[in-house]
Amino acid sequence: MNPEPVPSLQDVLEAYALELENDNATLERYIRAYPQYAPDLVEVSRELERPMDVSTAPLDAEDRTLVQNAWVQLNAIADSNATNSLLTLEPAKMRSIASSLGIPRQILSAFREGRVIVESIPRLFLEHLAEALGTPYEALRSSLARAPNLVPSRSYKADEKPITPQQVSFEQLLIDACVPPDKRAALLAKKD
């Protein structure tokens, strides 16, 4: 029989920190089970015993700046969720969305890669895309307005380092995708 694999230090420390009781008995149990991690377990137990500073004093200017910067980062992550939803779109879902919007899938791929000039996309079309993705319109628009990015999987398949693609208008994407002129006109007629 193969011996059980030893969990990583990180796994053991997390398990210890999540215990309901972090008393001496729990610490001893973990040290007996994982003697190689004893110094780290003791250090974590001391951190957990330390009293938390729950001061109610107002924040100084430096602390307010730190909090404000954290909010900015959090909002940037929330805004990027729209782009991430395009990046993680499964093929079946991509087919379904492309079909419901009446466009070829390569248009969604171009959106995913940031190859479209956002200002050239009709608002109504973007609203329908945002609804299909389950993303707020403004979040989708702001995420598409960011610099073009490469789909991560392409860098593994390339012989050379991929370059950032040139952005083109929505109309040019439709032309390149061989969308018939009448359908193209209908998609473009829904401008702001």
N, C-alpha and C. Protein backbone atom coordinates (compact mmCIF):
# COMPACT_ATOMS: atom_id res chain seq x y z
N MET A 1 0.83 -1.19 0.00
CA MET A 1 0.00 0.00 0.00
C MET A 1 0.87 1.25 0.00
N ASN A 2 0.40 2.25 -0.70
CA ASN A 2 1.10 3.53 -0.72
C ASN A 2 0.73 4.34 0.51
N PRO A 3 1.72 4.98 1.12
CA PRO A 3 1.39 5.84 2.28
C PRO A 3 0.58 7.03 1.82
N GLU A 4 -0.22 7.55 2.75
CA GLU A 4 -1.04 8.73 2.42
C GLU A 4 -0.13 9.91 2.14
N PRO A 5 -0.47 10.71 1.13
CA PRO A 5 0.37 11.88 0.85
C PRO A 5 0.26 12.90 2.00
N VAL A 6 1.39 13.53 2.29
CA VAL A 6 1.43 14.53 3.35
C VAL A 6 0.87 15.84 2.80
N PRO A 7 -0.11 16.44 3.49
CA PRO A 7 -0.64 17.72 3.01
C PRO A 7 0.43 18.81 3.06
N SER A 8 0.24 19.81 2.25
CA SER A 8 1.19 20.92 2.21
C SER A 8 1.09 21.74 3.48
N LEU A 9 2.14 22.51 3.71
CA LEU A 9 2.16 23.41 4.87
C LEU A 9 0.95 24.34 4.85
N GLN A 10 0.67 24.91 3.68
CA GLN A 10 -0.46 25.84 3.55
C GLN A 10 -1.78 25.16 3.93
N ASP A 11 -1.97 23.92 3.47
CA ASP A 11 -3.21 23.20 3.78
C ASP A 11 -3.34 22.95 5.28
N VAL A 12 -2.25 22.57 5.91
CA VAL A 12 -2.29 22.29 7.34
C VAL A 12 -2.57 23.57 8.13
N LEU A 13 -1.90 24.65 7.77
CA LEU A 13 -2.12 25.91 8.48
C LEU A 13 -3.55 26.42 8.31
N GLU A 14 -4.08 26.28 7.10
CA GLU A 14 -5.47 26.70 6.88
C GLU A 14 -6.43 25.85 7.70
N ALA A 15 -6.20 24.53 7.71
CA ALA A 15 -7.07 23.65 8.49
C ALA A 15 -7.02 24.03 9.97
N TYR A 16 -5.83 24.29 10.48
CA TYR A 16 -5.70 24.68 11.88
C TYR A 16 -6.43 26.00 12.16
N ALA A 17 -6.24 26.97 11.28
CA ALA A 17 -6.87 28.28 11.49
C ALA A 17 -8.39 28.19 11.44
N LEU A 18 -8.93 27.22 10.72
CA LEU A 18 -10.38 27.07 10.58
C LEU A 18 -11.01 26.22 11.68
N GLU A 19 -10.20 25.66 12.56
CA GLU A 19 -10.74 24.87 13.67
C GLU A 19 -11.64 25.73 14.54
N LEU A 20 -12.68 25.14 15.09
CA LEU A 20 -13.59 25.89 15.97
C LEU A 20 -12.87 26.36 17.22
N GLU A 21 -12.04 25.50 17.78
CA GLU A 21 -11.28 25.83 18.98
C GLU A 21 -9.79 25.79 18.63
N ASN A 22 -9.09 26.88 18.85
CA ASN A 22 -7.65 26.92 18.62
C ASN A 22 -6.92 26.94 19.96
N ASP A 23 -7.32 26.02 20.85
CA ASP A 23 -6.72 25.95 22.17
C ASP A 23 -5.47 25.07 22.14
N ASN A 24 -4.87 24.85 23.31
CA ASN A 24 -3.64 24.06 23.40
C ASN A 24 -3.85 22.63 22.93
N ALA A 25 -5.00 22.05 23.23
CA ALA A 25 -5.26 20.67 22.83
C ALA A 25 -5.27 20.54 21.31
N THR A 26 -5.87 21.49 20.64
CA THR A 26 -5.91 21.46 19.17
C THR A 26 -4.51 21.63 18.60
N LEU A 27 -3.76 22.56 19.16
CA LEU A 27 -2.38 22.78 18.70
C LEU A 27 -1.55 21.52 18.89
N GLU A 28 -1.66 20.87 20.06
CA GLU A 28 -0.90 19.64 20.31
C GLU A 28 -1.28 18.55 19.32
N ARG A 29 -2.57 18.43 19.02
CA ARG A 29 -3.04 17.42 18.08
C ARG A 29 -2.41 17.65 16.70
N TYR A 30 -2.36 18.89 16.26
CA TYR A 30 -1.78 19.21 14.95
C TYR A 30 -0.27 18.98 14.94
N ILE A 31 0.40 19.33 16.04
CA ILE A 31 1.85 19.13 16.10
C ILE A 31 2.19 17.64 16.10
N ARG A 32 1.38 16.81 16.79
CA ARG A 32 1.60 15.36 16.76
C ARG A 32 1.38 14.81 15.35
N ALA A 33 0.38 15.32 14.66
CA ALA A 33 0.07 14.82 13.32
C ALA A 33 1.06 15.32 12.27
N TYR A 34 1.57 16.53 12.47
CA TYR A 34 2.47 17.16 11.48
C TYR A 34 3.67 17.78 12.18
N PRO A 35 4.56 16.95 12.73
CA PRO A 35 5.71 17.50 13.48
C PRO A 35 6.63 18.37 12.61
N GLN A 36 6.68 18.10 11.32
CA GLN A 36 7.54 18.89 10.42
C GLN A 36 7.06 20.34 10.32
N TYR A 37 5.80 20.61 10.67
CA TYR A 37 5.25 21.96 10.58
C TYR A 37 5.10 22.63 11.94
N ALA A 38 5.68 22.05 12.98
CA ALA A 38 5.49 22.54 14.35
C ALA A 38 5.81 24.02 14.52
N PRO A 39 6.97 24.52 14.05
CA PRO A 39 7.25 25.95 14.26
C PRO A 39 6.20 26.86 13.59
N ASP A 40 5.76 26.47 12.41
CA ASP A 40 4.76 27.28 11.71
C ASP A 40 3.41 27.23 12.41
N LEU A 41 3.05 26.06 12.93
CA LEU A 41 1.79 25.94 13.66
C LEU A 41 1.80 26.79 14.92
N VAL A 42 2.91 26.80 15.62
CA VAL A 42 3.02 27.61 16.83
C VAL A 42 2.89 29.09 16.47
N GLU A 43 3.55 29.49 15.40
CA GLU A 43 3.47 30.89 14.97
C GLU A 43 2.03 31.29 14.62
N VAL A 44 1.33 30.43 13.91
CA VAL A 44 -0.07 30.73 13.55
C VAL A 44 -0.93 30.78 14.81
N SER A 45 -0.68 29.88 15.75
CA SER A 45 -1.49 29.90 16.98
C SER A 45 -1.29 31.21 17.74
N ARG A 46 -0.07 31.72 17.75
CA ARG A 46 0.19 33.00 18.41
C ARG A 46 -0.52 34.14 17.70
N GLU A 47 -0.51 34.10 16.37
CA GLU A 47 -1.22 35.13 15.59
C GLU A 47 -2.71 35.11 15.89
N LEU A 48 -3.27 33.92 16.02
CA LEU A 48 -4.70 33.80 16.29
C LEU A 48 -5.06 34.25 17.70
N GLU A 49 -4.13 34.15 18.64
CA GLU A 49 -4.38 34.56 20.02
C GLU A 49 -4.25 36.06 20.22
N ARG A 50 -3.57 36.72 19.31
CA ARG A 50 -3.33 38.16 19.44
C ARG A 50 -4.65 38.92 19.44
N PRO A 51 -4.80 39.88 20.35
CA PRO A 51 -6.05 40.66 20.36
C PRO A 51 -6.12 41.56 19.12
N MET A 52 -7.33 41.71 18.62
CA MET A 52 -7.53 42.55 17.44
C MET A 52 -7.75 43.99 17.88
N ASP A 53 -7.23 44.92 17.10
CA ASP A 53 -7.41 46.33 17.37
C ASP A 53 -8.77 46.74 16.81
N VAL A 54 -9.68 47.05 17.71
CA VAL A 54 -11.03 47.44 17.30
C VAL A 54 -11.28 48.90 17.66
N SER A 55 -10.30 49.70 17.40
CA SER A 55 -10.37 51.12 17.73
C SER A 55 -11.51 51.79 16.97
N THR A 56 -12.20 52.68 17.65
CA THR A 56 -13.29 53.42 17.01
C THR A 56 -12.87 54.84 16.65
N ALA A 57 -11.59 55.12 16.79
CA ALA A 57 -11.09 56.46 16.45
C ALA A 57 -11.21 56.68 14.94
N PRO A 58 -11.44 57.93 14.54
CA PRO A 58 -11.54 58.19 13.10
C PRO A 58 -10.22 57.88 12.40
N LEU A 59 -10.34 57.53 11.13
CA LEU A 59 -9.15 57.22 10.33
C LEU A 59 -8.37 58.49 10.02
N ASP A 60 -7.06 58.35 10.00
CA ASP A 60 -6.25 59.50 9.60
C ASP A 60 -6.18 59.54 8.07
N ALA A 61 -5.54 60.56 7.53
CA ALA A 61 -5.50 60.76 6.07
C ALA A 61 -4.85 59.58 5.36
N GLU A 62 -3.79 59.04 5.92
CA GLU A 62 -3.10 57.91 5.29
C GLU A 62 -4.00 56.68 5.22
N ASP A 63 -4.72 56.39 6.32
CA ASP A 63 -5.62 55.24 6.33
C ASP A 63 -6.78 55.43 5.35
N ARG A 64 -7.31 56.67 5.28
CA ARG A 64 -8.40 56.93 4.32
C ARG A 64 -7.92 56.71 2.89
N THR A 65 -6.69 57.10 2.60
CA THR A 65 -6.11 56.89 1.26
C THR A 65 -5.99 55.40 0.98
N LEU A 66 -5.53 54.63 1.96
CA LEU A 66 -5.42 53.18 1.77
C LEU A 66 -6.79 52.55 1.50
N VAL A 67 -7.79 52.97 2.25
CA VAL A 67 -9.14 52.44 2.05
C VAL A 67 -9.66 52.83 0.66
N GLN A 68 -9.45 54.08 0.27
CA GLN A 68 -9.90 54.54 -1.04
C GLN A 68 -9.23 53.75 -2.17
N ASN A 69 -7.92 53.51 -2.04
CA ASN A 69 -7.21 52.73 -3.05
C ASN A 69 -7.73 51.30 -3.13
N ALA A 70 -8.07 50.73 -1.98
CA ALA A 70 -8.62 49.37 -1.97
C ALA A 70 -9.97 49.34 -2.68
N TRP A 71 -10.80 50.37 -2.47
CA TRP A 71 -12.09 50.44 -3.16
C TRP A 71 -11.91 50.57 -4.67
N VAL A 72 -10.93 51.36 -5.08
CA VAL A 72 -10.67 51.51 -6.51
C VAL A 72 -10.28 50.17 -7.13
N GLN A 73 -9.42 49.43 -6.43
CA GLN A 73 -9.01 48.11 -6.93
C GLN A 73 -10.19 47.16 -6.97
N LEU A 74 -11.02 47.19 -5.95
CA LEU A 74 -12.19 46.31 -5.91
C LEU A 74 -13.14 46.64 -7.05
N ASN A 75 -13.37 47.92 -7.32
CA ASN A 75 -14.24 48.32 -8.42
C ASN A 75 -13.66 47.90 -9.76
N ALA A 76 -12.34 47.98 -9.90
CA ALA A 76 -11.70 47.56 -11.15
C ALA A 76 -11.90 46.07 -11.37
N ILE A 77 -11.81 45.29 -10.29
CA ILE A 77 -12.04 43.85 -10.40
C ILE A 77 -13.49 43.59 -10.79
N ALA A 78 -14.42 44.30 -10.19
CA ALA A 78 -15.84 44.12 -10.52
C ALA A 78 -16.10 44.48 -11.97
N ASP A 79 -15.48 45.57 -12.46
CA ASP A 79 -15.67 45.96 -13.85
C ASP A 79 -15.08 44.94 -14.81
N SER A 80 -14.00 44.28 -14.39
CA SER A 80 -13.37 43.32 -15.28
C SER A 80 -14.15 42.02 -15.37
N ASN A 81 -15.16 41.84 -14.51
CA ASN A 81 -15.96 40.62 -14.57
C ASN A 81 -16.64 40.46 -15.92
N ALA A 82 -17.02 41.57 -16.56
CA ALA A 82 -17.64 41.47 -17.87
C ALA A 82 -16.67 40.88 -18.87
N THR A 83 -15.43 41.35 -18.87
CA THR A 83 -14.43 40.80 -19.77
C THR A 83 -14.17 39.35 -19.42
N ASN A 84 -14.07 39.06 -18.13
CA ASN A 84 -13.84 37.68 -17.72
C ASN A 84 -14.97 36.78 -18.16
N SER A 85 -16.20 37.27 -18.16
CA SER A 85 -17.30 36.42 -18.60
C SER A 85 -17.17 36.11 -20.08
N LEU A 86 -16.61 37.01 -20.86
CA LEU A 86 -16.34 36.70 -22.26
C LEU A 86 -15.20 35.70 -22.39
N LEU A 87 -14.19 35.84 -21.55
CA LEU A 87 -13.04 34.94 -21.62
C LEU A 87 -13.40 33.52 -21.22
N THR A 88 -14.32 33.38 -20.29
CA THR A 88 -14.65 32.05 -19.79
C THR A 88 -15.90 31.46 -20.44
N LEU A 89 -16.37 32.09 -21.49
CA LEU A 89 -17.56 31.62 -22.17
C LEU A 89 -17.32 30.25 -22.79
N GLU A 90 -18.14 29.30 -22.47
CA GLU A 90 -18.01 27.97 -23.04
C GLU A 90 -18.54 27.98 -24.47
N PRO A 91 -18.04 27.10 -25.32
CA PRO A 91 -18.44 27.10 -26.73
C PRO A 91 -19.96 27.03 -26.95
N ALA A 92 -20.65 26.21 -26.18
CA ALA A 92 -22.10 26.08 -26.36
C ALA A 92 -22.80 27.40 -26.03
N LYS A 93 -22.36 28.05 -24.95
CA LYS A 93 -22.95 29.33 -24.55
C LYS A 93 -22.61 30.41 -25.59
N MET A 94 -21.38 30.37 -26.11
CA MET A 94 -20.98 31.34 -27.13
C MET A 94 -21.85 31.17 -28.38
N ARG A 95 -22.09 29.93 -28.77
CA ARG A 95 -22.96 29.64 -29.93
C ARG A 95 -24.36 30.18 -29.69
N SER A 96 -24.87 29.94 -28.49
CA SER A 96 -26.22 30.38 -28.15
C SER A 96 -26.34 31.91 -28.18
N ILE A 97 -25.37 32.59 -27.60
CA ILE A 97 -25.40 34.06 -27.57
C ILE A 97 -25.26 34.62 -28.99
N ALA A 98 -24.31 34.07 -29.75
CA ALA A 98 -24.11 34.54 -31.12
C ALA A 98 -25.38 34.33 -31.95
N SER A 99 -26.02 33.21 -31.76
CA SER A 99 -27.26 32.92 -32.49
C SER A 99 -28.37 33.88 -32.09
N SER A 100 -28.51 34.14 -30.79
CA SER A 100 -29.58 35.04 -30.34
C SER A 100 -29.35 36.48 -30.81
N LEU A 101 -28.07 36.86 -30.98
CA LEU A 101 -27.76 38.21 -31.46
C LEU A 101 -27.74 38.28 -32.99
N GLY A 102 -27.75 37.13 -33.64
CA GLY A 102 -27.73 37.09 -35.10
C GLY A 102 -26.38 37.45 -35.70
N ILE A 103 -25.31 37.02 -35.03
CA ILE A 103 -23.96 37.32 -35.50
C ILE A 103 -23.13 36.04 -35.52
N PRO A 104 -22.05 36.02 -36.31
CA PRO A 104 -21.14 34.88 -36.25
C PRO A 104 -20.36 34.89 -34.93
N ARG A 105 -19.93 33.71 -34.50
CA ARG A 105 -19.18 33.61 -33.24
C ARG A 105 -17.88 34.39 -33.27
N GLN A 106 -17.30 34.58 -34.45
CA GLN A 106 -16.02 35.29 -34.52
C GLN A 106 -16.16 36.74 -34.05
N ILE A 107 -17.37 37.29 -34.10
CA ILE A 107 -17.59 38.64 -33.58
C ILE A 107 -17.40 38.64 -32.07
N LEU A 108 -17.95 37.63 -31.39
CA LEU A 108 -17.77 37.52 -29.94
C LEU A 108 -16.30 37.28 -29.60
N SER A 109 -15.61 36.51 -30.43
CA SER A 109 -14.17 36.29 -30.21
C SER A 109 -13.41 37.60 -30.32
N ALA A 110 -13.80 38.44 -31.28
CA ALA A 110 -13.15 39.74 -31.44
C ALA A 110 -13.42 40.62 -30.21
N PHE A 111 -14.63 40.56 -29.66
CA PHE A 111 -14.95 41.30 -28.44
C PHE A 111 -14.09 40.79 -27.30
N ARG A 112 -13.98 39.48 -27.19
CA ARG A 112 -13.20 38.84 -26.13
C ARG A 112 -11.75 39.31 -26.18
N GLU A 113 -11.21 39.47 -27.38
CA GLU A 113 -9.81 39.85 -27.55
C GLU A 113 -9.60 41.36 -27.58
N GLY A 114 -10.69 42.12 -27.46
CA GLY A 114 -10.56 43.58 -27.44
C GLY A 114 -10.21 44.17 -28.78
N ARG A 115 -10.64 43.53 -29.88
CA ARG A 115 -10.27 43.99 -31.22
C ARG A 115 -11.27 44.98 -31.81
N VAL A 116 -12.29 45.36 -31.07
CA VAL A 116 -13.32 46.25 -31.60
C VAL A 116 -13.23 47.63 -30.96
N ILE A 117 -13.46 48.66 -31.74
CA ILE A 117 -13.53 50.03 -31.22
C ILE A 117 -14.91 50.18 -30.59
N VAL A 118 -14.93 50.34 -29.29
CA VAL A 118 -16.18 50.32 -28.53
C VAL A 118 -17.16 51.40 -29.00
N GLU A 119 -16.64 52.58 -29.33
CA GLU A 119 -17.52 53.68 -29.74
C GLU A 119 -18.27 53.37 -31.05
N SER A 120 -17.81 52.38 -31.80
CA SER A 120 -18.47 52.04 -33.06
C SER A 120 -19.59 51.01 -32.89
N ILE A 121 -19.76 50.49 -31.68
CA ILE A 121 -20.77 49.47 -31.43
C ILE A 121 -22.09 50.16 -31.05
N PRO A 122 -23.18 49.82 -31.75
CA PRO A 122 -24.48 50.41 -31.39
C PRO A 122 -24.87 50.07 -29.95
N ARG A 123 -25.44 51.05 -29.27
CA ARG A 123 -25.82 50.87 -27.87
C ARG A 123 -26.80 49.71 -27.70
N LEU A 124 -27.79 49.63 -28.55
CA LEU A 124 -28.79 48.57 -28.42
C LEU A 124 -28.14 47.19 -28.54
N PHE A 125 -27.18 47.06 -29.45
CA PHE A 125 -26.48 45.79 -29.59
C PHE A 125 -25.73 45.44 -28.31
N LEU A 126 -25.02 46.43 -27.74
CA LEU A 126 -24.29 46.20 -26.49
C LEU A 126 -25.24 45.86 -25.34
N GLU A 127 -26.40 46.49 -25.31
CA GLU A 127 -27.38 46.18 -24.27
C GLU A 127 -27.84 44.73 -24.37
N HIS A 128 -28.08 44.28 -25.60
CA HIS A 128 -28.49 42.88 -25.81
C HIS A 128 -27.36 41.92 -25.41
N LEU A 129 -26.13 42.27 -25.75
CA LEU A 129 -24.98 41.43 -25.39
C LEU A 129 -24.82 41.38 -23.87
N ALA A 130 -24.93 42.52 -23.21
CA ALA A 130 -24.81 42.57 -21.76
C ALA A 130 -25.89 41.71 -21.10
N GLU A 131 -27.09 41.80 -21.62
CA GLU A 131 -28.19 40.99 -21.09
C GLU A 131 -27.91 39.50 -21.27
N ALA A 132 -27.42 39.13 -22.45
CA ALA A 132 -27.11 37.73 -22.72
C ALA A 132 -25.99 37.21 -21.81
N LEU A 133 -25.04 38.08 -21.48
CA LEU A 133 -23.93 37.69 -20.61
C LEU A 133 -24.29 37.76 -19.13
N GLY A 134 -25.41 38.44 -18.83
CA GLY A 134 -25.78 38.63 -17.44
C GLY A 134 -24.89 39.64 -16.74
N THR A 135 -24.47 40.66 -17.51
CA THR A 135 -23.56 41.68 -17.03
C THR A 135 -24.21 43.05 -17.19
N PRO A 136 -24.03 43.96 -16.25
CA PRO A 136 -24.57 45.31 -16.44
C PRO A 136 -23.95 45.98 -17.68
N TYR A 137 -24.76 46.77 -18.37
CA TYR A 137 -24.33 47.44 -19.60
C TYR A 137 -23.06 48.26 -19.38
N GLU A 138 -23.04 49.10 -18.35
CA GLU A 138 -21.89 49.97 -18.11
C GLU A 138 -20.62 49.17 -17.83
N ALA A 139 -20.76 48.06 -17.10
CA ALA A 139 -19.59 47.22 -16.81
C ALA A 139 -19.05 46.61 -18.09
N LEU A 140 -19.95 46.14 -18.96
CA LEU A 140 -19.52 45.57 -20.24
C LEU A 140 -18.83 46.62 -21.09
N ARG A 141 -19.45 47.79 -21.19
CA ARG A 141 -18.88 48.86 -22.01
C ARG A 141 -17.50 49.28 -21.51
N SER A 142 -17.36 49.45 -20.21
CA SER A 142 -16.06 49.89 -19.68
C SER A 142 -15.00 48.79 -19.84
N SER A 143 -15.40 47.53 -19.71
CA SER A 143 -14.41 46.46 -19.87
C SER A 143 -13.96 46.33 -21.33
N LEU A 144 -14.87 46.57 -22.26
CA LEU A 144 -14.51 46.51 -23.68
C LEU A 144 -13.65 47.70 -24.08
N ALA A 145 -13.77 48.80 -23.35
CA ALA A 145 -13.02 50.02 -23.69
C ALA A 145 -11.56 49.92 -23.25
N ARG A 146 -11.22 48.94 -22.44
CA ARG A 146 -9.84 48.78 -22.01
C ARG A 146 -8.98 48.33 -23.17
N ALA A 147 -7.68 48.39 -22.96
CA ALA A 147 -6.73 47.99 -24.00
C ALA A 147 -6.99 46.54 -24.42
N PRO A 148 -6.75 46.24 -25.69
CA PRO A 148 -6.95 44.87 -26.17
C PRO A 148 -6.09 43.89 -25.38
N ASN A 149 -6.65 42.70 -25.21
CA ASN A 149 -5.85 41.68 -24.54
C ASN A 149 -5.90 40.40 -25.35
N LEU A 150 -4.91 39.57 -25.13
CA LEU A 150 -4.82 38.32 -25.86
C LEU A 150 -5.48 37.22 -25.06
N VAL A 151 -6.12 36.30 -25.75
CA VAL A 151 -6.68 35.14 -25.08
C VAL A 151 -5.49 34.31 -24.60
N PRO A 152 -5.42 33.99 -23.29
CA PRO A 152 -4.24 33.32 -22.74
C PRO A 152 -3.85 32.04 -23.49
N SER A 153 -4.80 31.26 -23.93
CA SER A 153 -4.47 29.99 -24.57
C SER A 153 -3.70 30.18 -25.86
N ARG A 154 -3.85 31.31 -26.52
CA ARG A 154 -3.15 31.51 -27.78
C ARG A 154 -1.65 31.61 -27.60
N SER A 155 -1.19 32.11 -26.47
CA SER A 155 0.25 32.24 -26.27
C SER A 155 0.92 30.87 -26.17
N TYR A 156 0.18 29.85 -25.74
CA TYR A 156 0.75 28.51 -25.64
C TYR A 156 0.80 27.81 -27.00
N LYS A 157 -0.03 28.24 -27.92
CA LYS A 157 -0.12 27.59 -29.23
C LYS A 157 0.74 28.26 -30.28
N ALA A 158 1.31 29.41 -29.96
CA ALA A 158 2.04 30.19 -30.94
C ALA A 158 3.52 29.80 -30.98
N ASP A 159 4.08 29.88 -32.19
CA ASP A 159 5.52 29.66 -32.34
C ASP A 159 6.28 30.91 -31.91
N GLU A 160 5.66 32.07 -32.12
CA GLU A 160 6.25 33.35 -31.74
C GLU A 160 5.32 34.02 -30.75
N LYS A 161 5.85 35.01 -30.04
CA LYS A 161 5.04 35.73 -29.07
C LYS A 161 3.92 36.46 -29.81
N PRO A 162 2.65 36.23 -29.41
CA PRO A 162 1.54 36.92 -30.08
C PRO A 162 1.61 38.43 -29.86
N ILE A 163 1.16 39.17 -30.85
CA ILE A 163 1.13 40.63 -30.73
C ILE A 163 -0.30 41.07 -30.48
N THR A 164 -0.44 42.23 -29.87
CA THR A 164 -1.76 42.78 -29.60
C THR A 164 -2.43 43.13 -30.92
N PRO A 165 -3.66 42.67 -31.13
CA PRO A 165 -4.34 42.90 -32.41
C PRO A 165 -4.73 44.37 -32.61
N GLN A 166 -4.86 44.76 -33.86
CA GLN A 166 -5.29 46.11 -34.23
C GLN A 166 -6.80 46.21 -34.01
N GLN A 167 -7.25 47.28 -33.40
CA GLN A 167 -8.69 47.47 -33.20
C GLN A 167 -9.32 47.98 -34.48
N VAL A 168 -10.54 47.48 -34.74
CA VAL A 168 -11.29 47.89 -35.92
C VAL A 168 -12.71 48.25 -35.50
N SER A 169 -13.44 48.89 -36.41
CA SER A 169 -14.82 49.26 -36.10
C SER A 169 -15.72 48.03 -36.10
N PHE A 170 -16.85 48.17 -35.47
CA PHE A 170 -17.84 47.09 -35.43
C PHE A 170 -18.27 46.74 -36.86
N GLU A 171 -18.46 47.77 -37.68
CA GLU A 171 -18.85 47.53 -39.07
C GLU A 171 -17.79 46.71 -39.80
N GLN A 172 -16.50 47.01 -39.57
CA GLN A 172 -15.44 46.26 -40.23
C GLN A 172 -15.43 44.81 -39.77
N LEU A 173 -15.71 44.58 -38.49
CA LEU A 173 -15.80 43.21 -37.99
C LEU A 173 -16.90 42.45 -38.72
N LEU A 174 -18.05 43.12 -38.91
CA LEU A 174 -19.16 42.48 -39.61
C LEU A 174 -18.79 42.19 -41.07
N ILE A 175 -18.09 43.10 -41.70
CA ILE A 175 -17.66 42.89 -43.09
C ILE A 175 -16.69 41.72 -43.15
N ASP A 176 -15.70 41.71 -42.26
CA ASP A 176 -14.71 40.63 -42.23
C ASP A 176 -15.35 39.27 -41.94
N ALA A 177 -16.46 39.27 -41.22
CA ALA A 177 -17.16 38.03 -40.88
C ALA A 177 -18.15 37.62 -41.97
N CYS A 178 -18.17 38.37 -43.07
CA CYS A 178 -19.05 38.08 -44.22
C CYS A 178 -20.53 38.13 -43.86
N VAL A 179 -20.89 39.06 -42.99
CA VAL A 179 -22.30 39.27 -42.65
C VAL A 179 -22.94 39.96 -43.85
N PRO A 180 -24.07 39.44 -44.35
CA PRO A 180 -24.71 40.04 -45.52
C PRO A 180 -25.03 41.52 -45.30
N PRO A 181 -24.97 42.33 -46.38
CA PRO A 181 -25.17 43.78 -46.26
C PRO A 181 -26.49 44.16 -45.57
N ASP A 182 -27.60 43.47 -45.87
CA ASP A 182 -28.88 43.83 -45.26
C ASP A 182 -28.88 43.57 -43.75
N LYS A 183 -28.29 42.44 -43.33
CA LYS A 183 -28.21 42.13 -41.90
C LYS A 183 -27.24 43.08 -41.21
N ARG A 184 -26.14 43.41 -41.90
CA ARG A 184 -25.15 44.34 -41.36
C ARG A 184 -25.80 45.70 -41.14
N ALA A 185 -26.59 46.16 -42.11
CA ALA A 185 -27.27 47.45 -42.00
C ALA A 185 -28.24 47.45 -40.82
N ALA A 186 -28.94 46.33 -40.61
CA ALA A 186 -29.88 46.24 -39.50
C ALA A 186 -29.15 46.30 -38.16
N LEU A 187 -27.99 45.64 -38.06
CA LEU A 187 -27.22 45.66 -36.81
C LEU A 187 -26.64 47.04 -36.53
N LEU A 188 -26.24 47.74 -37.59
CA LEU A 188 -25.63 49.08 -37.44
C LEU A 188 -26.67 50.18 -37.30
N ALA A 189 -27.91 49.96 -37.71
CA ALA A 189 -28.94 50.98 -37.67
C ALA A 189 -29.35 51.31 -36.25
N LYS A 190 -28.99 50.50 -35.32
CA LYS A 190 -29.42 50.68 -33.92
C LYS A 190 -28.41 51.49 -33.15
N LYS A 191 -27.88 52.55 -33.77
CA LYS A 191 -26.89 53.42 -33.10
C LYS A 191 -27.54 54.15 -31.95
N ASP A 192 -26.70 54.79 -31.09
CA ASP A 192 -27.17 55.56 -29.93
C ASP A 192 -28.20 56.58 -30.33
